[in-house]
Protein backbone atom coordinates (compact mmCIF):
# COMPACT_ATOMS: atom_id res chain seq x y z
CA MET A 1 -66.88 -8.05 20.97
CA LYS A 2 -64.67 -10.97 21.27
CA GLY A 3 -63.51 -10.06 17.31
CA LYS A 4 -62.57 -6.58 18.26
CA ILE A 5 -60.73 -7.65 21.55
CA ALA A 6 -58.84 -10.32 19.38
CA GLY A 7 -58.14 -7.65 16.87
CA ILE A 8 -56.95 -4.87 19.69
CA GLY A 9 -54.57 -8.03 20.98
CA CYS A 10 -53.22 -8.37 17.50
CA LEU A 11 -52.31 -4.99 17.17
CA GLY A 12 -51.10 -4.72 20.43
CA ILE A 13 -48.73 -7.59 19.59
CA GLY A 14 -47.80 -5.99 16.21
CA ALA A 15 -46.99 -2.77 17.90
CA ILE A 16 -44.54 -5.17 20.33
CA VAL A 17 -43.08 -6.79 17.71
CA LEU A 18 -42.18 -3.38 15.67
CA VAL A 19 -40.88 -1.75 18.98
CA LEU A 20 -38.61 -4.86 19.21
CA GLY A 21 -37.80 -4.79 15.66
CA GLY A 22 -36.69 -1.05 16.07
CA ILE A 23 -34.42 -1.82 19.21
CA LEU A 24 -32.71 -4.44 17.42
CA VAL A 25 -32.26 -2.32 14.49
CA TRP A 26 -31.08 0.63 16.41
CA TYR A 27 -28.62 -2.07 18.50
CA GLY A 28 -27.26 -3.65 15.21
CA ILE A 29 -26.47 0.18 13.67
CA ASN A 30 -24.89 1.46 16.47
CA TRP A 31 -22.95 -1.85 17.20
CA ASN A 32 -21.81 -1.60 13.50
CA ASN A 33 -20.61 1.77 13.74
CA GLN A 34 -18.79 1.01 16.62
CA ALA A 35 -16.97 -1.81 15.18
CA VAL A 36 -16.12 0.12 12.08
CA ARG A 37 -14.79 2.77 14.30
CA LEU A 38 -12.57 0.43 16.45
CA SER A 39 -11.11 -1.18 13.54
CA GLU A 40 -10.21 2.15 11.93
CA GLU A 41 -8.46 2.99 14.71
CA VAL A 42 -6.80 -0.21 14.67
CA GLU A 43 -5.62 0.26 10.98
CA SER A 44 -4.64 4.20 11.98
CA GLN A 45 -2.67 2.74 14.95
CA TRP A 46 -0.39 0.09 12.88
CA ALA A 47 0.15 3.13 10.51
CA ASN A 48 2.01 4.82 13.28
CA VAL A 49 3.86 1.61 14.14
CA GLU A 50 5.30 1.30 10.46
CA SER A 51 5.99 4.93 10.38
CA SER A 52 8.14 4.97 13.56
CA TYR A 53 10.21 1.60 12.21
CA GLN A 54 10.29 3.67 9.09
CA ARG A 55 11.90 6.32 10.62
CA ARG A 56 14.53 4.19 12.22
CA ALA A 57 15.20 2.54 8.70
CA ASP A 58 15.85 6.29 7.66
CA LEU A 59 18.51 6.96 10.28
CA ILE A 60 20.46 3.44 9.27
CA PRO A 61 22.15 4.80 6.19
CA ASN A 62 23.52 7.77 7.95
CA ILE A 63 24.75 5.54 10.94
CA VAL A 64 26.73 3.34 8.49
CA ALA A 65 27.80 6.41 6.26
CA THR A 66 29.21 7.81 9.42
CA ALA A 67 30.88 4.69 10.80
CA GLN A 68 32.12 3.72 7.39
CA GLU A 69 34.50 7.13 7.59
CA TYR A 70 36.67 5.02 9.78
CA ALA A 71 38.25 2.57 7.47
CA GLU A 72 38.92 0.23 10.17
CA PHE A 73 35.37 -0.39 11.39
CA GLU A 74 34.06 -4.07 10.94
CA GLN A 75 32.57 -4.29 7.58
CA GLU A 76 31.12 -7.22 8.39
CA THR A 77 28.64 -5.48 11.06
CA LEU A 78 27.60 -2.99 8.80
CA THR A 79 26.54 -5.00 5.93
CA ALA A 80 24.57 -7.13 8.30
CA VAL A 81 22.80 -4.02 9.42
CA ILE A 82 22.13 -2.95 5.88
CA GLU A 83 20.99 -6.30 4.65
CA ALA A 84 18.50 -6.27 7.57
CA ARG A 85 17.15 -2.92 6.60
CA ALA A 86 16.85 -3.99 3.03
CA GLN A 87 14.78 -7.09 4.05
CA ALA A 88 12.67 -5.15 6.57
CA THR A 89 12.14 -2.11 4.26
CA SER A 90 10.52 -4.75 1.41
CA ILE A 91 7.90 -6.43 3.56
CA ASN A 92 4.68 -4.78 2.94
CA VAL A 93 1.68 -5.23 5.14
CA ASP A 94 -1.86 -4.72 4.41
CA ALA A 95 -3.20 -2.58 6.96
CA SER A 96 -6.93 -3.21 6.20
CA ASN A 97 -6.52 -6.97 6.24
CA LEU A 98 -3.84 -7.91 9.06
CA THR A 99 -3.19 -11.22 9.42
CA ALA A 100 -0.85 -12.69 12.67
CA GLU A 101 1.15 -13.98 9.81
CA GLN A 102 1.90 -10.63 8.18
CA ILE A 103 2.63 -9.00 11.44
CA GLU A 104 4.86 -12.05 12.52
CA GLN A 105 6.97 -11.63 9.41
CA PHE A 106 7.19 -8.03 9.76
CA SER A 107 8.30 -8.60 13.41
CA LYS A 108 11.05 -11.28 12.39
CA ALA A 109 12.42 -8.60 10.05
CA GLN A 110 12.52 -5.62 12.48
CA SER A 111 14.32 -7.91 14.92
CA ALA A 112 16.83 -8.79 12.64
CA VAL A 113 17.45 -5.19 12.06
CA SER A 114 17.35 -4.70 16.23
CA SER A 115 20.10 -7.22 16.40
CA GLY A 116 22.03 -5.96 13.86
CA LEU A 117 21.97 -2.36 15.45
CA GLY A 118 23.06 -4.12 18.66
CA ARG A 119 25.98 -5.39 17.14
CA LEU A 120 26.95 -2.13 15.49
CA LEU A 121 26.57 -0.07 18.84
CA ALA A 122 28.60 -2.81 20.92
CA THR A 123 31.18 -2.70 18.55
CA TYR A 124 31.67 0.88 18.01
CA GLU A 125 32.57 1.14 21.56
CA ASN A 126 35.84 0.09 20.33
CA TYR A 127 36.50 3.34 18.41
CA PRO A 128 36.94 6.34 20.58
CA ASP A 129 37.21 8.84 17.43
CA LEU A 130 34.00 7.69 16.31
CA LYS A 131 32.15 7.52 19.65
CA ALA A 132 33.47 11.37 20.11
CA ASN A 133 31.99 12.06 16.30
CA GLU A 134 29.02 14.84 17.17
CA ASN A 135 27.39 13.67 14.47
CA PHE A 136 27.27 10.15 15.27
CA LYS A 137 26.26 11.27 18.40
CA GLU A 138 23.23 13.23 17.22
CA LEU A 139 22.27 9.89 15.04
CA ILE A 140 22.24 7.76 17.86
CA ASN A 141 20.54 9.87 20.04
CA GLU A 142 17.97 10.08 17.68
CA LEU A 143 18.04 6.48 17.37
CA GLU A 144 17.29 6.38 21.08
CA ARG A 145 14.41 8.15 20.51
CA THR A 146 12.98 6.70 17.52
CA GLU A 147 13.64 3.42 19.60
CA ASN A 148 11.14 4.61 22.59
CA ARG A 149 8.91 5.90 19.87
CA ILE A 150 8.67 2.17 18.49
CA ASN A 151 7.83 1.20 21.93
CA VAL A 152 4.78 3.50 22.62
CA GLU A 153 3.28 3.07 19.13
CA ARG A 154 3.38 -0.89 19.27
CA ASN A 155 1.83 -0.61 22.88
CA ARG A 156 -0.77 1.78 21.46
CA TYR A 157 -1.46 -0.39 18.78
CA ASN A 158 -2.27 -3.79 20.97
CA GLU A 159 -4.49 -1.24 23.08
CA ARG A 160 -6.51 -0.50 20.11
CA VAL A 161 -6.41 -4.34 19.07
CA LYS A 162 -7.81 -5.26 22.66
CA ALA A 163 -10.53 -2.72 22.55
CA TYR A 164 -11.90 -3.86 18.98
CA ASN A 165 -11.21 -7.10 19.71
CA ILE A 166 -13.57 -7.11 23.17
CA HIS A 167 -16.42 -5.39 21.08
CA ILE A 168 -16.64 -8.28 18.56
CA MET A 169 -15.89 -11.16 20.52
CA GLN A 170 -18.67 -10.28 23.34
CA PHE A 171 -21.99 -11.78 22.93
CA PRO A 172 -24.64 -10.68 21.57
CA GLY A 173 -22.06 -8.48 19.31
CA SER A 174 -20.15 -11.50 18.41
CA MET A 175 -23.41 -12.95 16.60
CA LEU A 176 -23.45 -9.73 14.19
CA ALA A 177 -19.75 -10.06 14.07
CA SER A 178 -19.68 -13.05 11.99
CA TRP A 179 -22.55 -12.12 10.25
CA LEU A 180 -21.28 -8.61 8.94
CA GLY A 181 -17.35 -9.66 8.52
CA PHE A 182 -15.74 -8.32 11.52
CA GLY A 183 -12.52 -10.64 12.59
CA GLU A 184 -10.19 -10.57 15.49
CA SER A 185 -7.22 -8.63 14.71
CA PRO A 186 -3.77 -9.60 15.80
CA TYR A 187 -1.65 -8.57 18.21
CA PHE A 188 2.11 -7.43 17.69
CA GLN A 189 4.17 -9.99 19.63
CA ALA A 190 7.88 -9.25 19.64
CA ASP A 191 9.83 -11.64 17.94
CA ALA A 192 12.44 -13.90 19.49
CA GLY A 193 15.57 -12.06 19.79
CA SER A 194 13.82 -8.66 20.48
CA GLU A 195 15.66 -8.40 23.59
CA ASN A 196 18.45 -7.69 21.59
CA ALA A 197 17.05 -4.25 20.31
CA PRO A 198 19.81 -1.83 21.05
CA ASP A 199 20.24 0.08 24.42
CA VAL A 200 21.54 3.40 23.53
CA LYS A 201 20.63 5.14 26.92
CA ASP A 202 23.81 5.78 28.48
CA LEU A 203 26.27 5.04 25.30
CA PHE A 204 27.85 8.34 26.21
CA ASN A 205 27.95 8.43 30.13
CA ASN A 206 30.96 6.03 30.69
């Protein structure tokens, strides 16, 4: 009798262990799937950030070309913008392995472009004919829309990073993160000098 009771007890313990094991496996699978999804969202949103900056880079040659039609326009200012653009577009960031160092390098290069554009826009105010140029007006309006899009996409990227980082850093998921190879993603932090980004909102209203 005692042997039967002991056997039943062992079976009960075994069943409990199996149930607990199943729950842990279920939790682990669901946690991993969520981490993968959030990680993919971070990568996807980073692509949107790069795309918005690329749109700005694509506008610069036309802006410079239009300004160059006015022979007296400061060539040093135009050259600085062209060189900053070349440096920014030469930086490649691995979206599948984002690091704080990569984003810092990217941010610094983009801030140099912003500063160059800011100087260009401040300077061209001295050229009424250029300011009245309809093509230039449209380019600057498009630049404004692009700058707004950049801010939106950067904020969305940081939101995706926050959601992902919270998921992998909260206990007990933090133990799984280390085991499964999920690391913290870096935020996009504006580089010093980003306050010099071109403000084009009211350029043609004065």
